[in-house]
Every structure is written in C-alpha cells, then in structure tokens.
Amino acid sequence: MIIMIEYCFGDRYLFGRRVSFDELKEQLYTIEKKYDRKTDDFVSLLCMTYSWQEIVWSRVKGFDYIYDRDTGLLLRKVPDT
C-alpha cells in the first residue's frame, strides 16, 4: 500500500502493509499529536512507529491514499478510468 503525504515542504511517498482506512487515519492522527513541530519529524516518526518506508517518487506507479497535512484530510485515491 502506498500513501502520499502532501504538505508545503513537498510531497512524500510511503510504502507499508495494507491497512484499513480507519486504521490509517488513526495512525496519522496519532502522529499529528506527537511529532516535534520544531523539527517537523512527522514522516520519520510515522515510519518508525508504524513500519512505513519512504520511497522515491520515480518508483511510484500510483498510490492508494493522499493525506493532506495542511487540512488534516485523508482521502482515498479514485482509480483512473
């Protein structure tokens, strides 16, 4: 499963085991409460806590979810038709 983390410092892509929408939402919101706002270690803390791995965009063929850190919204990606 691949999620895109979208925010002002640039998009980040993470790969991990498939989880439900609700579980992913809980993971993201838990880290939002714990991360260090001075160093903005959100992605590294998410990876360490829940075993996500950051991947390079050039290797990503698509993603399952988008998490917009600015608004706090988690969205399912609509498949291309």
N, C-alpha and C. Protein backbone atom coordinates (compact mmCIF):
# COMPACT_ATOMS: atom_id res chain seq x y z
N MET A 1 0.85 -1.17 0.00
CA MET A 1 0.00 0.00 0.00
C MET A 1 0.89 1.23 0.00
N ILE A 2 0.51 2.23 -0.75
CA ILE A 2 1.29 3.46 -0.85
C ILE A 2 0.41 4.64 -0.47
N ILE A 3 0.95 5.50 0.37
CA ILE A 3 0.24 6.74 0.71
C ILE A 3 1.12 7.92 0.31
N MET A 4 0.47 8.98 -0.13
CA MET A 4 1.16 10.22 -0.44
C MET A 4 0.88 11.19 0.70
N ILE A 5 1.94 11.73 1.28
CA ILE A 5 1.81 12.75 2.32
C ILE A 5 2.05 14.09 1.61
N GLU A 6 1.04 14.92 1.58
CA GLU A 6 1.11 16.18 0.85
C GLU A 6 1.18 17.34 1.85
N TYR A 7 2.26 18.15 1.71
CA TYR A 7 2.33 19.36 2.53
C TYR A 7 3.34 20.33 1.95
N CYS A 8 3.45 21.49 2.54
CA CYS A 8 4.16 22.62 1.95
C CYS A 8 5.64 22.36 1.66
N PHE A 9 6.28 21.45 2.35
CA PHE A 9 7.70 21.19 2.11
C PHE A 9 7.92 20.15 1.02
N GLY A 10 6.88 19.71 0.36
CA GLY A 10 6.98 18.74 -0.71
C GLY A 10 6.29 17.43 -0.37
N ASP A 11 5.83 16.77 -1.40
CA ASP A 11 5.11 15.51 -1.22
C ASP A 11 6.08 14.39 -0.87
N ARG A 12 5.64 13.49 -0.03
CA ARG A 12 6.43 12.32 0.38
C ARG A 12 5.57 11.09 0.13
N TYR A 13 6.21 10.00 -0.23
CA TYR A 13 5.52 8.75 -0.55
C TYR A 13 6.00 7.65 0.37
N LEU A 14 5.04 6.94 0.97
CA LEU A 14 5.37 5.90 1.93
C LEU A 14 4.74 4.58 1.52
N PHE A 15 5.49 3.50 1.72
CA PHE A 15 5.04 2.16 1.41
C PHE A 15 4.93 1.37 2.70
N GLY A 16 3.86 0.60 2.83
CA GLY A 16 3.69 -0.23 4.01
C GLY A 16 2.63 -1.29 3.79
N ARG A 17 2.40 -2.07 4.83
CA ARG A 17 1.40 -3.14 4.72
C ARG A 17 0.01 -2.52 4.56
N ARG A 18 -0.86 -3.25 3.92
CA ARG A 18 -2.23 -2.76 3.70
C ARG A 18 -2.97 -2.69 5.03
N VAL A 19 -3.56 -1.55 5.28
CA VAL A 19 -4.37 -1.34 6.49
C VAL A 19 -5.69 -0.73 6.07
N SER A 20 -6.67 -0.80 6.94
CA SER A 20 -7.97 -0.21 6.64
C SER A 20 -7.87 1.32 6.68
N PHE A 21 -8.85 1.95 6.07
CA PHE A 21 -8.93 3.41 6.07
C PHE A 21 -8.92 3.95 7.50
N ASP A 22 -9.72 3.33 8.36
CA ASP A 22 -9.82 3.79 9.75
C ASP A 22 -8.51 3.61 10.51
N GLU A 23 -7.82 2.50 10.27
CA GLU A 23 -6.54 2.27 10.94
C GLU A 23 -5.49 3.29 10.47
N LEU A 24 -5.46 3.54 9.17
CA LEU A 24 -4.52 4.53 8.64
C LEU A 24 -4.81 5.91 9.21
N LYS A 25 -6.08 6.26 9.25
CA LYS A 25 -6.47 7.56 9.81
C LYS A 25 -6.02 7.68 11.27
N GLU A 26 -6.20 6.62 12.03
CA GLU A 26 -5.77 6.62 13.43
C GLU A 26 -4.25 6.78 13.54
N GLN A 27 -3.50 6.09 12.70
CA GLN A 27 -2.04 6.22 12.71
C GLN A 27 -1.62 7.66 12.44
N LEU A 28 -2.18 8.25 11.40
CA LEU A 28 -1.82 9.63 11.01
C LEU A 28 -2.17 10.62 12.11
N TYR A 29 -3.36 10.50 12.67
CA TYR A 29 -3.79 11.45 13.69
C TYR A 29 -3.03 11.27 14.99
N THR A 30 -2.61 10.04 15.30
CA THR A 30 -1.78 9.80 16.48
C THR A 30 -0.44 10.50 16.33
N ILE A 31 0.17 10.39 15.15
CA ILE A 31 1.47 11.02 14.91
C ILE A 31 1.32 12.54 14.87
N GLU A 32 0.21 13.05 14.35
CA GLU A 32 -0.01 14.50 14.34
C GLU A 32 0.04 15.07 15.77
N LYS A 33 -0.41 14.28 16.74
CA LYS A 33 -0.41 14.74 18.13
C LYS A 33 0.98 14.67 18.76
N LYS A 34 1.86 13.78 18.24
CA LYS A 34 3.14 13.51 18.88
C LYS A 34 4.37 14.14 18.23
N TYR A 35 4.29 14.50 16.96
CA TYR A 35 5.51 14.92 16.26
C TYR A 35 6.06 16.25 16.79
N ASP A 36 7.34 16.46 16.58
CA ASP A 36 8.02 17.67 17.04
C ASP A 36 7.82 18.78 16.00
N ARG A 37 7.11 19.81 16.38
CA ARG A 37 6.80 20.88 15.43
C ARG A 37 8.02 21.71 15.05
N LYS A 38 9.04 21.73 15.89
CA LYS A 38 10.25 22.49 15.57
C LYS A 38 11.05 21.82 14.47
N THR A 39 11.20 20.51 14.54
CA THR A 39 11.99 19.79 13.54
C THR A 39 11.12 19.15 12.45
N ASP A 40 9.81 19.16 12.64
CA ASP A 40 8.85 18.54 11.73
C ASP A 40 9.27 17.12 11.36
N ASP A 41 9.34 16.27 12.37
CA ASP A 41 9.73 14.87 12.17
C ASP A 41 8.53 13.96 11.93
N PHE A 42 7.46 14.51 11.37
CA PHE A 42 6.22 13.77 11.17
C PHE A 42 6.45 12.47 10.38
N VAL A 43 7.08 12.57 9.22
CA VAL A 43 7.26 11.40 8.36
C VAL A 43 8.18 10.37 9.02
N SER A 44 9.29 10.82 9.58
CA SER A 44 10.21 9.86 10.21
C SER A 44 9.56 9.19 11.43
N LEU A 45 8.78 9.92 12.20
CA LEU A 45 8.09 9.34 13.35
C LEU A 45 7.02 8.34 12.90
N LEU A 46 6.29 8.68 11.85
CA LEU A 46 5.29 7.78 11.30
C LEU A 46 5.95 6.48 10.82
N CYS A 47 7.07 6.61 10.13
CA CYS A 47 7.79 5.43 9.63
C CYS A 47 8.31 4.56 10.78
N MET A 48 8.91 5.17 11.77
CA MET A 48 9.46 4.41 12.89
C MET A 48 8.36 3.73 13.71
N THR A 49 7.26 4.42 13.93
CA THR A 49 6.20 3.91 14.80
C THR A 49 5.38 2.81 14.14
N TYR A 50 5.09 2.98 12.84
CA TYR A 50 4.17 2.05 12.18
C TYR A 50 4.80 1.28 11.01
N SER A 51 6.12 1.26 10.94
CA SER A 51 6.87 0.47 9.94
C SER A 51 6.57 0.85 8.49
N TRP A 52 6.35 2.13 8.23
CA TRP A 52 6.25 2.61 6.86
C TRP A 52 7.67 2.84 6.35
N GLN A 53 7.84 2.79 5.02
CA GLN A 53 9.13 3.08 4.40
C GLN A 53 8.93 4.16 3.36
N GLU A 54 9.80 5.18 3.42
CA GLU A 54 9.71 6.23 2.41
C GLU A 54 10.29 5.71 1.10
N ILE A 55 9.62 6.02 0.01
CA ILE A 55 10.08 5.60 -1.31
C ILE A 55 10.21 6.82 -2.22
N VAL A 56 10.98 6.66 -3.28
CA VAL A 56 11.24 7.74 -4.23
C VAL A 56 10.10 7.82 -5.24
N TRP A 57 9.67 9.03 -5.56
CA TRP A 57 8.54 9.24 -6.47
C TRP A 57 8.73 8.54 -7.80
N SER A 58 9.92 8.51 -8.36
CA SER A 58 10.14 7.93 -9.68
C SER A 58 9.80 6.44 -9.70
N ARG A 59 9.75 5.80 -8.56
CA ARG A 59 9.40 4.37 -8.49
C ARG A 59 7.92 4.14 -8.25
N VAL A 60 7.19 5.19 -7.95
CA VAL A 60 5.77 5.06 -7.61
C VAL A 60 4.94 5.07 -8.89
N LYS A 61 4.13 4.05 -9.05
CA LYS A 61 3.25 3.95 -10.21
C LYS A 61 1.85 4.47 -9.88
N GLY A 62 1.56 4.62 -8.62
CA GLY A 62 0.27 5.10 -8.16
C GLY A 62 0.25 5.03 -6.65
N PHE A 63 -0.80 5.50 -6.05
CA PHE A 63 -0.91 5.46 -4.60
C PHE A 63 -2.35 5.22 -4.21
N ASP A 64 -2.54 4.74 -2.99
CA ASP A 64 -3.87 4.38 -2.52
C ASP A 64 -4.59 5.51 -1.78
N TYR A 65 -3.82 6.29 -1.03
CA TYR A 65 -4.40 7.37 -0.23
C TYR A 65 -3.54 8.62 -0.32
N ILE A 66 -4.18 9.74 -0.11
CA ILE A 66 -3.50 11.03 -0.02
C ILE A 66 -3.84 11.60 1.35
N TYR A 67 -2.79 12.00 2.09
CA TYR A 67 -3.02 12.68 3.36
C TYR A 67 -2.52 14.10 3.22
N ASP A 68 -3.42 15.06 3.31
CA ASP A 68 -3.08 16.47 3.21
C ASP A 68 -2.82 17.00 4.62
N ARG A 69 -1.56 17.23 4.92
CA ARG A 69 -1.21 17.68 6.28
C ARG A 69 -1.72 19.07 6.58
N ASP A 70 -1.85 19.91 5.58
CA ASP A 70 -2.32 21.28 5.82
C ASP A 70 -3.78 21.30 6.29
N THR A 71 -4.60 20.42 5.73
CA THR A 71 -6.02 20.41 6.10
C THR A 71 -6.36 19.28 7.06
N GLY A 72 -5.48 18.26 7.16
CA GLY A 72 -5.75 17.11 8.02
C GLY A 72 -6.68 16.10 7.40
N LEU A 73 -6.90 16.19 6.09
CA LEU A 73 -7.82 15.27 5.42
C LEU A 73 -7.09 14.06 4.86
N LEU A 74 -7.69 12.90 5.02
CA LEU A 74 -7.20 11.66 4.41
C LEU A 74 -8.20 11.27 3.35
N LEU A 75 -7.73 11.11 2.13
CA LEU A 75 -8.62 10.81 1.00
C LEU A 75 -8.17 9.54 0.29
N ARG A 76 -9.14 8.73 -0.13
CA ARG A 76 -8.83 7.58 -0.98
C ARG A 76 -8.60 8.08 -2.39
N LYS A 77 -7.62 7.53 -3.05
CA LYS A 77 -7.39 7.91 -4.44
C LYS A 77 -8.43 7.21 -5.30
N VAL A 78 -9.04 7.97 -6.17
CA VAL A 78 -10.01 7.41 -7.09
C VAL A 78 -9.25 6.78 -8.24
N PRO A 79 -9.53 5.51 -8.56
CA PRO A 79 -8.81 4.85 -9.66
C PRO A 79 -9.05 5.58 -10.99
N ASP A 80 -8.01 5.60 -11.82
CA ASP A 80 -8.14 6.19 -13.16
C ASP A 80 -9.10 5.34 -13.98
N THR A 81 -9.90 6.00 -14.80
CA THR A 81 -10.84 5.26 -15.65
C THR A 81 -10.49 5.41 -17.10
